[in-house]
Amino acid sequence: NGRFFYYEEHARRAAAAGLQEAAVPLYG
């Protein structure tokens, strides 16, 4: 749902771990 990555550090850690792609729904 993308909310965990509201925190920049989480996004940076995921990228550093090797996450290639994330799919996030937007309902509006």
mmCIF file of all heavy atoms, coordinates in Angstrom:
data_MODEL
# 
_entry.id   MODEL 
# 
loop_
_atom_site.group_PDB 
_atom_site.id 
_atom_site.type_symbol 
_atom_site.label_atom_id 
_atom_site.label_alt_id 
_atom_site.label_comp_id 
_atom_site.label_asym_id 
_atom_site.label_entity_id 
_atom_site.label_seq_id 
_atom_site.pdbx_PDB_ins_code 
_atom_site.Cartn_x 
_atom_site.Cartn_y 
_atom_site.Cartn_z 
_atom_site.occupancy 
_atom_site.B_iso_or_equiv 
_atom_site.pdbx_formal_charge 
_atom_site.auth_seq_id 
_atom_site.auth_comp_id 
_atom_site.auth_asym_id 
_atom_site.auth_atom_id 
_atom_site.pdbx_PDB_model_num 
ATOM 1   N N   . ASN A 1 1  ? 0.830  -1.206 0.000   1.00 0.00 ? 1  ASN A N   1 
ATOM 2   C CA  . ASN A 1 1  ? 0.000  0.000  0.000   1.00 0.00 ? 1  ASN A CA  1 
ATOM 3   C C   . ASN A 1 1  ? 0.866  1.259  0.000   1.00 0.00 ? 1  ASN A C   1 
ATOM 4   O O   . ASN A 1 1  ? 0.350  2.365  -0.120  1.00 0.00 ? 1  ASN A O   1 
ATOM 5   C CB  . ASN A 1 1  ? -0.988 0.009  1.171   1.00 0.00 ? 1  ASN A CB  1 
ATOM 6   C CG  . ASN A 1 1  ? -0.324 0.058  2.534   1.00 0.00 ? 1  ASN A CG  1 
ATOM 7   O OD1 . ASN A 1 1  ? 0.793  0.510  2.703   1.00 0.00 ? 1  ASN A OD1 1 
ATOM 8   N ND2 . ASN A 1 1  ? -1.042 -0.416 3.539   1.00 0.00 ? 1  ASN A ND2 1 
ATOM 9   N N   . GLY A 1 2  ? 2.158  1.113  0.140   1.00 0.00 ? 2  GLY A N   1 
ATOM 10  C CA  . GLY A 1 2  ? 3.101  2.219  0.033   1.00 0.00 ? 2  GLY A CA  1 
ATOM 11  C C   . GLY A 1 2  ? 3.326  3.018  1.304   1.00 0.00 ? 2  GLY A C   1 
ATOM 12  O O   . GLY A 1 2  ? 4.278  3.796  1.399   1.00 0.00 ? 2  GLY A O   1 
ATOM 13  N N   . ARG A 1 3  ? 2.481  2.831  2.300   1.00 0.00 ? 3  ARG A N   1 
ATOM 14  C CA  . ARG A 1 3  ? 2.531  3.684  3.492   1.00 0.00 ? 3  ARG A CA  1 
ATOM 15  C C   . ARG A 1 3  ? 3.815  3.508  4.303   1.00 0.00 ? 3  ARG A C   1 
ATOM 16  O O   . ARG A 1 3  ? 4.295  4.459  4.914   1.00 0.00 ? 3  ARG A O   1 
ATOM 17  C CB  . ARG A 1 3  ? 1.299  3.448  4.347   1.00 0.00 ? 3  ARG A CB  1 
ATOM 18  C CG  . ARG A 1 3  ? 0.027  3.893  3.618   1.00 0.00 ? 3  ARG A CG  1 
ATOM 19  C CD  . ARG A 1 3  ? -1.232 3.510  4.333   1.00 0.00 ? 3  ARG A CD  1 
ATOM 20  N NE  . ARG A 1 3  ? -1.229 4.063  5.670   1.00 0.00 ? 3  ARG A NE  1 
ATOM 21  C CZ  . ARG A 1 3  ? -1.936 3.565  6.664   1.00 0.00 ? 3  ARG A CZ  1 
ATOM 22  N NH1 . ARG A 1 3  ? -2.704 2.516  6.493   1.00 0.00 ? 3  ARG A NH1 1 
ATOM 23  N NH2 . ARG A 1 3  ? -1.887 4.123  7.858   1.00 0.00 ? 3  ARG A NH2 1 
ATOM 24  N N   . PHE A 1 4  ? 4.391  2.322  4.299   1.00 0.00 ? 4  PHE A N   1 
ATOM 25  C CA  . PHE A 1 4  ? 5.634  2.041  5.028   1.00 0.00 ? 4  PHE A CA  1 
ATOM 26  C C   . PHE A 1 4  ? 6.771  2.933  4.511   1.00 0.00 ? 4  PHE A C   1 
ATOM 27  O O   . PHE A 1 4  ? 7.670  3.318  5.255   1.00 0.00 ? 4  PHE A O   1 
ATOM 28  C CB  . PHE A 1 4  ? 5.980  0.566  4.826   1.00 0.00 ? 4  PHE A CB  1 
ATOM 29  C CG  . PHE A 1 4  ? 7.238  0.082  5.482   1.00 0.00 ? 4  PHE A CG  1 
ATOM 30  C CD1 . PHE A 1 4  ? 7.302  -0.121 6.848   1.00 0.00 ? 4  PHE A CD1 1 
ATOM 31  C CD2 . PHE A 1 4  ? 8.363  -0.221 4.720   1.00 0.00 ? 4  PHE A CD2 1 
ATOM 32  C CE1 . PHE A 1 4  ? 8.460  -0.614 7.450   1.00 0.00 ? 4  PHE A CE1 1 
ATOM 33  C CE2 . PHE A 1 4  ? 9.513  -0.711 5.311   1.00 0.00 ? 4  PHE A CE2 1 
ATOM 34  C CZ  . PHE A 1 4  ? 9.563  -0.904 6.678   1.00 0.00 ? 4  PHE A CZ  1 
ATOM 35  N N   . PHE A 1 5  ? 6.710  3.258  3.228   1.00 0.00 ? 5  PHE A N   1 
ATOM 36  C CA  . PHE A 1 5  ? 7.779  4.020  2.601   1.00 0.00 ? 5  PHE A CA  1 
ATOM 37  C C   . PHE A 1 5  ? 7.569  5.529  2.711   1.00 0.00 ? 5  PHE A C   1 
ATOM 38  O O   . PHE A 1 5  ? 8.294  6.306  2.099   1.00 0.00 ? 5  PHE A O   1 
ATOM 39  C CB  . PHE A 1 5  ? 7.949  3.565  1.155   1.00 0.00 ? 5  PHE A CB  1 
ATOM 40  C CG  . PHE A 1 5  ? 8.313  2.112  1.091   1.00 0.00 ? 5  PHE A CG  1 
ATOM 41  C CD1 . PHE A 1 5  ? 7.392  1.165  0.676   1.00 0.00 ? 5  PHE A CD1 1 
ATOM 42  C CD2 . PHE A 1 5  ? 9.565  1.680  1.501   1.00 0.00 ? 5  PHE A CD2 1 
ATOM 43  C CE1 . PHE A 1 5  ? 7.717  -0.180 0.650   1.00 0.00 ? 5  PHE A CE1 1 
ATOM 44  C CE2 . PHE A 1 5  ? 9.893  0.335  1.481   1.00 0.00 ? 5  PHE A CE2 1 
ATOM 45  C CZ  . PHE A 1 5  ? 8.978  -0.594 1.056   1.00 0.00 ? 5  PHE A CZ  1 
ATOM 46  N N   . TYR A 1 6  ? 6.597  5.910  3.519   1.00 0.00 ? 6  TYR A N   1 
ATOM 47  C CA  . TYR A 1 6  ? 6.429  7.308  3.897   1.00 0.00 ? 6  TYR A CA  1 
ATOM 48  C C   . TYR A 1 6  ? 7.730  7.792  4.542   1.00 0.00 ? 6  TYR A C   1 
ATOM 49  O O   . TYR A 1 6  ? 8.116  8.947  4.411   1.00 0.00 ? 6  TYR A O   1 
ATOM 50  C CB  . TYR A 1 6  ? 5.259  7.413  4.878   1.00 0.00 ? 6  TYR A CB  1 
ATOM 51  C CG  . TYR A 1 6  ? 5.099  8.753  5.543   1.00 0.00 ? 6  TYR A CG  1 
ATOM 52  C CD1 . TYR A 1 6  ? 4.441  9.795  4.893   1.00 0.00 ? 6  TYR A CD1 1 
ATOM 53  C CD2 . TYR A 1 6  ? 5.589  8.980  6.826   1.00 0.00 ? 6  TYR A CD2 1 
ATOM 54  C CE1 . TYR A 1 6  ? 4.290  11.033 5.506   1.00 0.00 ? 6  TYR A CE1 1 
ATOM 55  C CE2 . TYR A 1 6  ? 5.441  10.207 7.444   1.00 0.00 ? 6  TYR A CE2 1 
ATOM 56  C CZ  . TYR A 1 6  ? 4.788  11.235 6.778   1.00 0.00 ? 6  TYR A CZ  1 
ATOM 57  O OH  . TYR A 1 6  ? 4.639  12.458 7.387   1.00 0.00 ? 6  TYR A OH  1 
ATOM 58  N N   . TYR A 1 7  ? 8.391  6.878  5.222   1.00 0.00 ? 7  TYR A N   1 
ATOM 59  C CA  . TYR A 1 7  ? 9.681  7.168  5.848   1.00 0.00 ? 7  TYR A CA  1 
ATOM 60  C C   . TYR A 1 7  ? 10.788 6.935  4.820   1.00 0.00 ? 7  TYR A C   1 
ATOM 61  O O   . TYR A 1 7  ? 10.976 5.813  4.351   1.00 0.00 ? 7  TYR A O   1 
ATOM 62  C CB  . TYR A 1 7  ? 9.900  6.289  7.086   1.00 0.00 ? 7  TYR A CB  1 
ATOM 63  C CG  . TYR A 1 7  ? 8.813  6.474  8.108   1.00 0.00 ? 7  TYR A CG  1 
ATOM 64  C CD1 . TYR A 1 7  ? 7.764  5.576  8.197   1.00 0.00 ? 7  TYR A CD1 1 
ATOM 65  C CD2 . TYR A 1 7  ? 8.809  7.582  8.955   1.00 0.00 ? 7  TYR A CD2 1 
ATOM 66  C CE1 . TYR A 1 7  ? 6.740  5.762  9.122   1.00 0.00 ? 7  TYR A CE1 1 
ATOM 67  C CE2 . TYR A 1 7  ? 7.798  7.783  9.876   1.00 0.00 ? 7  TYR A CE2 1 
ATOM 68  C CZ  . TYR A 1 7  ? 6.771  6.863  9.951   1.00 0.00 ? 7  TYR A CZ  1 
ATOM 69  O OH  . TYR A 1 7  ? 5.764  7.057  10.850  1.00 0.00 ? 7  TYR A OH  1 
ATOM 70  N N   . GLU A 1 8  ? 11.505 7.988  4.478   1.00 0.00 ? 8  GLU A N   1 
ATOM 71  C CA  . GLU A 1 8  ? 12.545 7.905  3.451   1.00 0.00 ? 8  GLU A CA  1 
ATOM 72  C C   . GLU A 1 8  ? 13.564 6.814  3.751   1.00 0.00 ? 8  GLU A C   1 
ATOM 73  O O   . GLU A 1 8  ? 14.050 6.151  2.832   1.00 0.00 ? 8  GLU A O   1 
ATOM 74  C CB  . GLU A 1 8  ? 13.264 9.247  3.307   1.00 0.00 ? 8  GLU A CB  1 
ATOM 75  C CG  . GLU A 1 8  ? 12.410 10.327 2.685   1.00 0.00 ? 8  GLU A CG  1 
ATOM 76  C CD  . GLU A 1 8  ? 13.159 11.640 2.585   1.00 0.00 ? 8  GLU A CD  1 
ATOM 77  O OE1 . GLU A 1 8  ? 14.337 11.632 2.175   1.00 0.00 ? 8  GLU A OE1 1 
ATOM 78  O OE2 . GLU A 1 8  ? 12.554 12.674 2.929   1.00 0.00 ? 8  GLU A OE2 1 
ATOM 79  N N   . GLU A 1 9  ? 13.893 6.627  5.017   1.00 0.00 ? 9  GLU A N   1 
ATOM 80  C CA  . GLU A 1 9  ? 14.883 5.615  5.392   1.00 0.00 ? 9  GLU A CA  1 
ATOM 81  C C   . GLU A 1 9  ? 14.430 4.224  4.963   1.00 0.00 ? 9  GLU A C   1 
ATOM 82  O O   . GLU A 1 9  ? 15.247 3.415  4.527   1.00 0.00 ? 9  GLU A O   1 
ATOM 83  C CB  . GLU A 1 9  ? 15.145 5.656  6.905   1.00 0.00 ? 9  GLU A CB  1 
ATOM 84  C CG  . GLU A 1 9  ? 16.096 4.580  7.400   1.00 0.00 ? 9  GLU A CG  1 
ATOM 85  C CD  . GLU A 1 9  ? 17.494 4.628  6.781   1.00 0.00 ? 9  GLU A CD  1 
ATOM 86  O OE1 . GLU A 1 9  ? 17.925 5.686  6.305   1.00 0.00 ? 9  GLU A OE1 1 
ATOM 87  O OE2 . GLU A 1 9  ? 18.159 3.581  6.783   1.00 0.00 ? 9  GLU A OE2 1 
ATOM 88  N N   . HIS A 1 10 ? 13.149 3.933  5.068   1.00 0.00 ? 10 HIS A N   1 
ATOM 89  C CA  . HIS A 1 10 ? 12.651 2.625  4.644   1.00 0.00 ? 10 HIS A CA  1 
ATOM 90  C C   . HIS A 1 10 ? 12.821 2.446  3.142   1.00 0.00 ? 10 HIS A C   1 
ATOM 91  O O   . HIS A 1 10 ? 13.201 1.364  2.674   1.00 0.00 ? 10 HIS A O   1 
ATOM 92  C CB  . HIS A 1 10 ? 11.181 2.453  5.029   1.00 0.00 ? 10 HIS A CB  1 
ATOM 93  C CG  . HIS A 1 10 ? 10.958 2.366  6.499   1.00 0.00 ? 10 HIS A CG  1 
ATOM 94  N ND1 . HIS A 1 10 ? 9.703  2.392  7.046   1.00 0.00 ? 10 HIS A ND1 1 
ATOM 95  C CD2 . HIS A 1 10 ? 11.808 2.257  7.549   1.00 0.00 ? 10 HIS A CD2 1 
ATOM 96  C CE1 . HIS A 1 10 ? 9.783  2.296  8.356   1.00 0.00 ? 10 HIS A CE1 1 
ATOM 97  N NE2 . HIS A 1 10 ? 11.061 2.215  8.684   1.00 0.00 ? 10 HIS A NE2 1 
ATOM 98  N N   . ALA A 1 11 ? 12.547 3.486  2.383   1.00 0.00 ? 11 ALA A N   1 
ATOM 99  C CA  . ALA A 1 11 ? 12.715 3.409  0.926   1.00 0.00 ? 11 ALA A CA  1 
ATOM 100 C C   . ALA A 1 11 ? 14.186 3.211  0.572   1.00 0.00 ? 11 ALA A C   1 
ATOM 101 O O   . ALA A 1 11 ? 14.523 2.391  -0.296  1.00 0.00 ? 11 ALA A O   1 
ATOM 102 C CB  . ALA A 1 11 ? 12.161 4.666  0.266   1.00 0.00 ? 11 ALA A CB  1 
ATOM 103 N N   . ARG A 1 12 ? 15.064 3.938  1.241   1.00 0.00 ? 12 ARG A N   1 
ATOM 104 C CA  . ARG A 1 12 ? 16.501 3.792  0.979   1.00 0.00 ? 12 ARG A CA  1 
ATOM 105 C C   . ARG A 1 12 ? 16.989 2.388  1.344   1.00 0.00 ? 12 ARG A C   1 
ATOM 106 O O   . ARG A 1 12 ? 17.781 1.789  0.614   1.00 0.00 ? 12 ARG A O   1 
ATOM 107 C CB  . ARG A 1 12 ? 17.295 4.846  1.740   1.00 0.00 ? 12 ARG A CB  1 
ATOM 108 C CG  . ARG A 1 12 ? 17.185 6.237  1.129   1.00 0.00 ? 12 ARG A CG  1 
ATOM 109 C CD  . ARG A 1 12 ? 18.238 7.195  1.692   1.00 0.00 ? 12 ARG A CD  1 
ATOM 110 N NE  . ARG A 1 12 ? 18.088 7.409  3.125   1.00 0.00 ? 12 ARG A NE  1 
ATOM 111 C CZ  . ARG A 1 12 ? 17.367 8.390  3.668   1.00 0.00 ? 12 ARG A CZ  1 
ATOM 112 N NH1 . ARG A 1 12 ? 16.736 9.241  2.904   1.00 0.00 ? 12 ARG A NH1 1 
ATOM 113 N NH2 . ARG A 1 12 ? 17.292 8.518  4.974   1.00 0.00 ? 12 ARG A NH2 1 
ATOM 114 N N   . ARG A 1 13 ? 16.512 1.861  2.474   1.00 0.00 ? 13 ARG A N   1 
ATOM 115 C CA  . ARG A 1 13 ? 16.930 0.505  2.887   1.00 0.00 ? 13 ARG A CA  1 
ATOM 116 C C   . ARG A 1 13 ? 16.436 -0.545 1.905   1.00 0.00 ? 13 ARG A C   1 
ATOM 117 O O   . ARG A 1 13 ? 17.154 -1.499 1.588   1.00 0.00 ? 13 ARG A O   1 
ATOM 118 C CB  . ARG A 1 13 ? 16.414 0.181  4.287   1.00 0.00 ? 13 ARG A CB  1 
ATOM 119 C CG  . ARG A 1 13 ? 17.203 0.865  5.386   1.00 0.00 ? 13 ARG A CG  1 
ATOM 120 C CD  . ARG A 1 13 ? 16.777 0.413  6.756   1.00 0.00 ? 13 ARG A CD  1 
ATOM 121 N NE  . ARG A 1 13 ? 17.084 -1.006 6.971   1.00 0.00 ? 13 ARG A NE  1 
ATOM 122 C CZ  . ARG A 1 13 ? 16.559 -1.743 7.939   1.00 0.00 ? 13 ARG A CZ  1 
ATOM 123 N NH1 . ARG A 1 13 ? 15.707 -1.196 8.803   1.00 0.00 ? 13 ARG A NH1 1 
ATOM 124 N NH2 . ARG A 1 13 ? 16.871 -3.007 8.076   1.00 0.00 ? 13 ARG A NH2 1 
ATOM 125 N N   . ALA A 1 14 ? 15.205 -0.385 1.421   1.00 0.00 ? 14 ALA A N   1 
ATOM 126 C CA  . ALA A 1 14 ? 14.666 -1.343 0.455   1.00 0.00 ? 14 ALA A CA  1 
ATOM 127 C C   . ALA A 1 14 ? 15.472 -1.307 -0.841  1.00 0.00 ? 14 ALA A C   1 
ATOM 128 O O   . ALA A 1 14 ? 15.804 -2.357 -1.404  1.00 0.00 ? 14 ALA A O   1 
ATOM 129 C CB  . ALA A 1 14 ? 13.194 -1.044 0.188   1.00 0.00 ? 14 ALA A CB  1 
ATOM 130 N N   . ALA A 1 15 ? 15.805 -0.110 -1.293  1.00 0.00 ? 15 ALA A N   1 
ATOM 131 C CA  . ALA A 1 15 ? 16.610 0.020  -2.513  1.00 0.00 ? 15 ALA A CA  1 
ATOM 132 C C   . ALA A 1 15 ? 17.996 -0.573 -2.304  1.00 0.00 ? 15 ALA A C   1 
ATOM 133 O O   . ALA A 1 15 ? 18.510 -1.293 -3.171  1.00 0.00 ? 15 ALA A O   1 
ATOM 134 C CB  . ALA A 1 15 ? 16.705 1.487  -2.919  1.00 0.00 ? 15 ALA A CB  1 
ATOM 135 N N   . ALA A 1 16 ? 18.594 -0.310 -1.158  1.00 0.00 ? 16 ALA A N   1 
ATOM 136 C CA  . ALA A 1 16 ? 19.926 -0.845 -0.869  1.00 0.00 ? 16 ALA A CA  1 
ATOM 137 C C   . ALA A 1 16 ? 19.911 -2.368 -0.778  1.00 0.00 ? 16 ALA A C   1 
ATOM 138 O O   . ALA A 1 16 ? 20.882 -3.026 -1.161  1.00 0.00 ? 16 ALA A O   1 
ATOM 139 C CB  . ALA A 1 16 ? 20.463 -0.246 0.435   1.00 0.00 ? 16 ALA A CB  1 
ATOM 140 N N   . ALA A 1 17 ? 18.802 -2.929 -0.311  1.00 0.00 ? 17 ALA A N   1 
ATOM 141 C CA  . ALA A 1 17 ? 18.677 -4.388 -0.229  1.00 0.00 ? 17 ALA A CA  1 
ATOM 142 C C   . ALA A 1 17 ? 18.491 -5.005 -1.609  1.00 0.00 ? 17 ALA A C   1 
ATOM 143 O O   . ALA A 1 17 ? 18.692 -6.205 -1.786  1.00 0.00 ? 17 ALA A O   1 
ATOM 144 C CB  . ALA A 1 17 ? 17.512 -4.774 0.681   1.00 0.00 ? 17 ALA A CB  1 
ATOM 145 N N   . GLY A 1 18 ? 18.086 -4.178 -2.595  1.00 0.00 ? 18 GLY A N   1 
ATOM 146 C CA  . GLY A 1 18 ? 17.957 -4.672 -3.967  1.00 0.00 ? 18 GLY A CA  1 
ATOM 147 C C   . GLY A 1 18 ? 16.545 -4.676 -4.527  1.00 0.00 ? 18 GLY A C   1 
ATOM 148 O O   . GLY A 1 18 ? 16.314 -5.217 -5.609  1.00 0.00 ? 18 GLY A O   1 
ATOM 149 N N   . LEU A 1 19 ? 15.592 -4.082 -3.828  1.00 0.00 ? 19 LEU A N   1 
ATOM 150 C CA  . LEU A 1 19 ? 14.228 -4.038 -4.356  1.00 0.00 ? 19 LEU A CA  1 
ATOM 151 C C   . LEU A 1 19 ? 14.239 -3.343 -5.710  1.00 0.00 ? 19 LEU A C   1 
ATOM 152 O O   . LEU A 1 19 ? 14.753 -2.239 -5.845  1.00 0.00 ? 19 LEU A O   1 
ATOM 153 C CB  . LEU A 1 19 ? 13.294 -3.294 -3.395  1.00 0.00 ? 19 LEU A CB  1 
ATOM 154 C CG  . LEU A 1 19 ? 11.832 -3.197 -3.824  1.00 0.00 ? 19 LEU A CG  1 
ATOM 155 C CD1 . LEU A 1 19 ? 11.188 -4.575 -3.889  1.00 0.00 ? 19 LEU A CD1 1 
ATOM 156 C CD2 . LEU A 1 19 ? 11.061 -2.291 -2.875  1.00 0.00 ? 19 LEU A CD2 1 
ATOM 157 N N   . GLN A 1 20 ? 13.682 -4.015 -6.717  1.00 0.00 ? 20 GLN A N   1 
ATOM 158 C CA  . GLN A 1 20 ? 13.673 -3.458 -8.061  1.00 0.00 ? 20 GLN A CA  1 
ATOM 159 C C   . GLN A 1 20 ? 12.403 -2.679 -8.370  1.00 0.00 ? 20 GLN A C   1 
ATOM 160 O O   . GLN A 1 20 ? 12.446 -1.666 -9.046  1.00 0.00 ? 20 GLN A O   1 
ATOM 161 C CB  . GLN A 1 20 ? 13.816 -4.567 -9.099  1.00 0.00 ? 20 GLN A CB  1 
ATOM 162 C CG  . GLN A 1 20 ? 15.164 -5.223 -9.090  1.00 0.00 ? 20 GLN A CG  1 
ATOM 163 C CD  . GLN A 1 20 ? 15.262 -6.307 -10.133 1.00 0.00 ? 20 GLN A CD  1 
ATOM 164 O OE1 . GLN A 1 20 ? 14.292 -6.978 -10.459 1.00 0.00 ? 20 GLN A OE1 1 
ATOM 165 N NE2 . GLN A 1 20 ? 16.449 -6.483 -10.663 1.00 0.00 ? 20 GLN A NE2 1 
ATOM 166 N N   . GLU A 1 21 ? 11.276 -3.195 -7.910  1.00 0.00 ? 21 GLU A N   1 
ATOM 167 C CA  . GLU A 1 21 ? 10.013 -2.576 -8.282  1.00 0.00 ? 21 GLU A CA  1 
ATOM 168 C C   . GLU A 1 21 ? 9.006  -2.717 -7.150  1.00 0.00 ? 21 GLU A C   1 
ATOM 169 O O   . GLU A 1 21 ? 9.003  -3.711 -6.439  1.00 0.00 ? 21 GLU A O   1 
ATOM 170 C CB  . GLU A 1 21 ? 9.442  -3.228 -9.540  1.00 0.00 ? 21 GLU A CB  1 
ATOM 171 C CG  . GLU A 1 21 ? 8.183  -2.585 -10.053 1.00 0.00 ? 21 GLU A CG  1 
ATOM 172 C CD  . GLU A 1 21 ? 7.718  -3.155 -11.387 1.00 0.00 ? 21 GLU A CD  1 
ATOM 173 O OE1 . GLU A 1 21 ? 8.284  -4.158 -11.858 1.00 0.00 ? 21 GLU A OE1 1 
ATOM 174 O OE2 . GLU A 1 21 ? 6.786  -2.580 -11.957 1.00 0.00 ? 21 GLU A OE2 1 
ATOM 175 N N   . ALA A 1 22 ? 8.168  -1.699 -7.015  1.00 0.00 ? 22 ALA A N   1 
ATOM 176 C CA  . ALA A 1 22 ? 7.062  -1.742 -6.060  1.00 0.00 ? 22 ALA A CA  1 
ATOM 177 C C   . ALA A 1 22 ? 5.796  -1.317 -6.792  1.00 0.00 ? 22 ALA A C   1 
ATOM 178 O O   . ALA A 1 22 ? 5.820  -0.398 -7.604  1.00 0.00 ? 22 ALA A O   1 
ATOM 179 C CB  . ALA A 1 22 ? 7.325  -0.810 -4.886  1.00 0.00 ? 22 ALA A CB  1 
ATOM 180 N N   . ALA A 1 23 ? 4.704  -1.999 -6.507  1.00 0.00 ? 23 ALA A N   1 
ATOM 181 C CA  . ALA A 1 23 ? 3.397  -1.647 -7.062  1.00 0.00 ? 23 ALA A CA  1 
ATOM 182 C C   . ALA A 1 23 ? 2.538  -1.110 -5.930  1.00 0.00 ? 23 ALA A C   1 
ATOM 183 O O   . ALA A 1 23 ? 2.382  -1.761 -4.898  1.00 0.00 ? 23 ALA A O   1 
ATOM 184 C CB  . ALA A 1 23 ? 2.746  -2.862 -7.699  1.00 0.00 ? 23 ALA A CB  1 
ATOM 185 N N   . VAL A 1 24 ? 2.014  0.088  -6.120  1.00 0.00 ? 24 VAL A N   1 
ATOM 186 C CA  . VAL A 1 24 ? 1.245  0.778  -5.090  1.00 0.00 ? 24 VAL A CA  1 
ATOM 187 C C   . VAL A 1 24 ? -0.093 1.207  -5.679  1.00 0.00 ? 24 VAL A C   1 
ATOM 188 O O   . VAL A 1 24 ? -0.115 1.902  -6.698  1.00 0.00 ? 24 VAL A O   1 
ATOM 189 C CB  . VAL A 1 24 ? 2.003  2.022  -4.578  1.00 0.00 ? 24 VAL A CB  1 
ATOM 190 C CG1 . VAL A 1 24 ? 1.190  2.767  -3.531  1.00 0.00 ? 24 VAL A CG1 1 
ATOM 191 C CG2 . VAL A 1 24 ? 3.379  1.637  -4.031  1.00 0.00 ? 24 VAL A CG2 1 
ATOM 192 N N   . PRO A 1 25 ? -1.214 0.839  -5.061  1.00 0.00 ? 25 PRO A N   1 
ATOM 193 C CA  . PRO A 1 25 ? -2.506 1.291  -5.581  1.00 0.00 ? 25 PRO A CA  1 
ATOM 194 C C   . PRO A 1 25 ? -2.826 2.715  -5.139  1.00 0.00 ? 25 PRO A C   1 
ATOM 195 O O   . PRO A 1 25 ? -2.546 3.101  -4.004  1.00 0.00 ? 25 PRO A O   1 
ATOM 196 C CB  . PRO A 1 25 ? -3.500 0.304  -4.964  1.00 0.00 ? 25 PRO A CB  1 
ATOM 197 C CG  . PRO A 1 25 ? -2.854 -0.114 -3.679  1.00 0.00 ? 25 PRO A CG  1 
ATOM 198 C CD  . PRO A 1 25 ? -1.368 -0.085 -3.933  1.00 0.00 ? 25 PRO A CD  1 
ATOM 199 N N   . LEU A 1 26 ? -3.388 3.486  -6.047  1.00 0.00 ? 26 LEU A N   1 
ATOM 200 C CA  . LEU A 1 26 ? -3.973 4.780  -5.716  1.00 0.00 ? 26 LEU A CA  1 
ATOM 201 C C   . LEU A 1 26 ? -5.431 4.722  -6.152  1.00 0.00 ? 26 LEU A C   1 
ATOM 202 O O   . LEU A 1 26 ? -5.712 4.393  -7.299  1.00 0.00 ? 26 LEU A O   1 
ATOM 203 C CB  . LEU A 1 26 ? -3.262 5.937  -6.415  1.00 0.00 ? 26 LEU A CB  1 
ATOM 204 C CG  . LEU A 1 26 ? -1.875 6.293  -5.922  1.00 0.00 ? 26 LEU A CG  1 
ATOM 205 C CD1 . LEU A 1 26 ? -1.339 7.509  -6.681  1.00 0.00 ? 26 LEU A CD1 1 
ATOM 206 C CD2 . LEU A 1 26 ? -1.861 6.561  -4.425  1.00 0.00 ? 26 LEU A CD2 1 
ATOM 207 N N   . TYR A 1 27 ? -6.324 5.017  -5.242  1.00 0.00 ? 27 TYR A N   1 
ATOM 208 C CA  . TYR A 1 27 ? -7.759 4.911  -5.517  1.00 0.00 ? 27 TYR A CA  1 
ATOM 209 C C   . TYR A 1 27 ? -8.381 6.247  -5.887  1.00 0.00 ? 27 TYR A C   1 
ATOM 210 O O   . TYR A 1 27 ? -9.578 6.331  -6.097  1.00 0.00 ? 27 TYR A O   1 
ATOM 211 C CB  . TYR A 1 27 ? -8.467 4.318  -4.303  1.00 0.00 ? 27 TYR A CB  1 
ATOM 212 C CG  . TYR A 1 27 ? -7.945 2.954  -3.963  1.00 0.00 ? 27 TYR A CG  1 
ATOM 213 C CD1 . TYR A 1 27 ? -7.142 2.757  -2.851  1.00 0.00 ? 27 TYR A CD1 1 
ATOM 214 C CD2 . TYR A 1 27 ? -8.222 1.858  -4.773  1.00 0.00 ? 27 TYR A CD2 1 
ATOM 215 C CE1 . TYR A 1 27 ? -6.637 1.504  -2.538  1.00 0.00 ? 27 TYR A CE1 1 
ATOM 216 C CE2 . TYR A 1 27 ? -7.722 0.600  -4.476  1.00 0.00 ? 27 TYR A CE2 1 
ATOM 217 C CZ  . TYR A 1 27 ? -6.933 0.440  -3.356  1.00 0.00 ? 27 TYR A CZ  1 
ATOM 218 O OH  . TYR A 1 27 ? -6.434 -0.806 -3.060  1.00 0.00 ? 27 TYR A OH  1 
ATOM 219 N N   . GLY A 1 28 ? -7.576 7.265  -5.971  1.00 0.00 ? 28 GLY A N   1 
ATOM 220 C CA  . GLY A 1 28 ? -8.041 8.585  -6.359  1.00 0.00 ? 28 GLY A CA  1 
ATOM 221 C C   . GLY A 1 28 ? -6.860 9.520  -6.415  1.00 0.00 ? 28 GLY A C   1 
ATOM 222 O O   . GLY A 1 28 ? -5.794 9.229  -5.873  1.00 0.00 ? 28 GLY A O   1 
# 
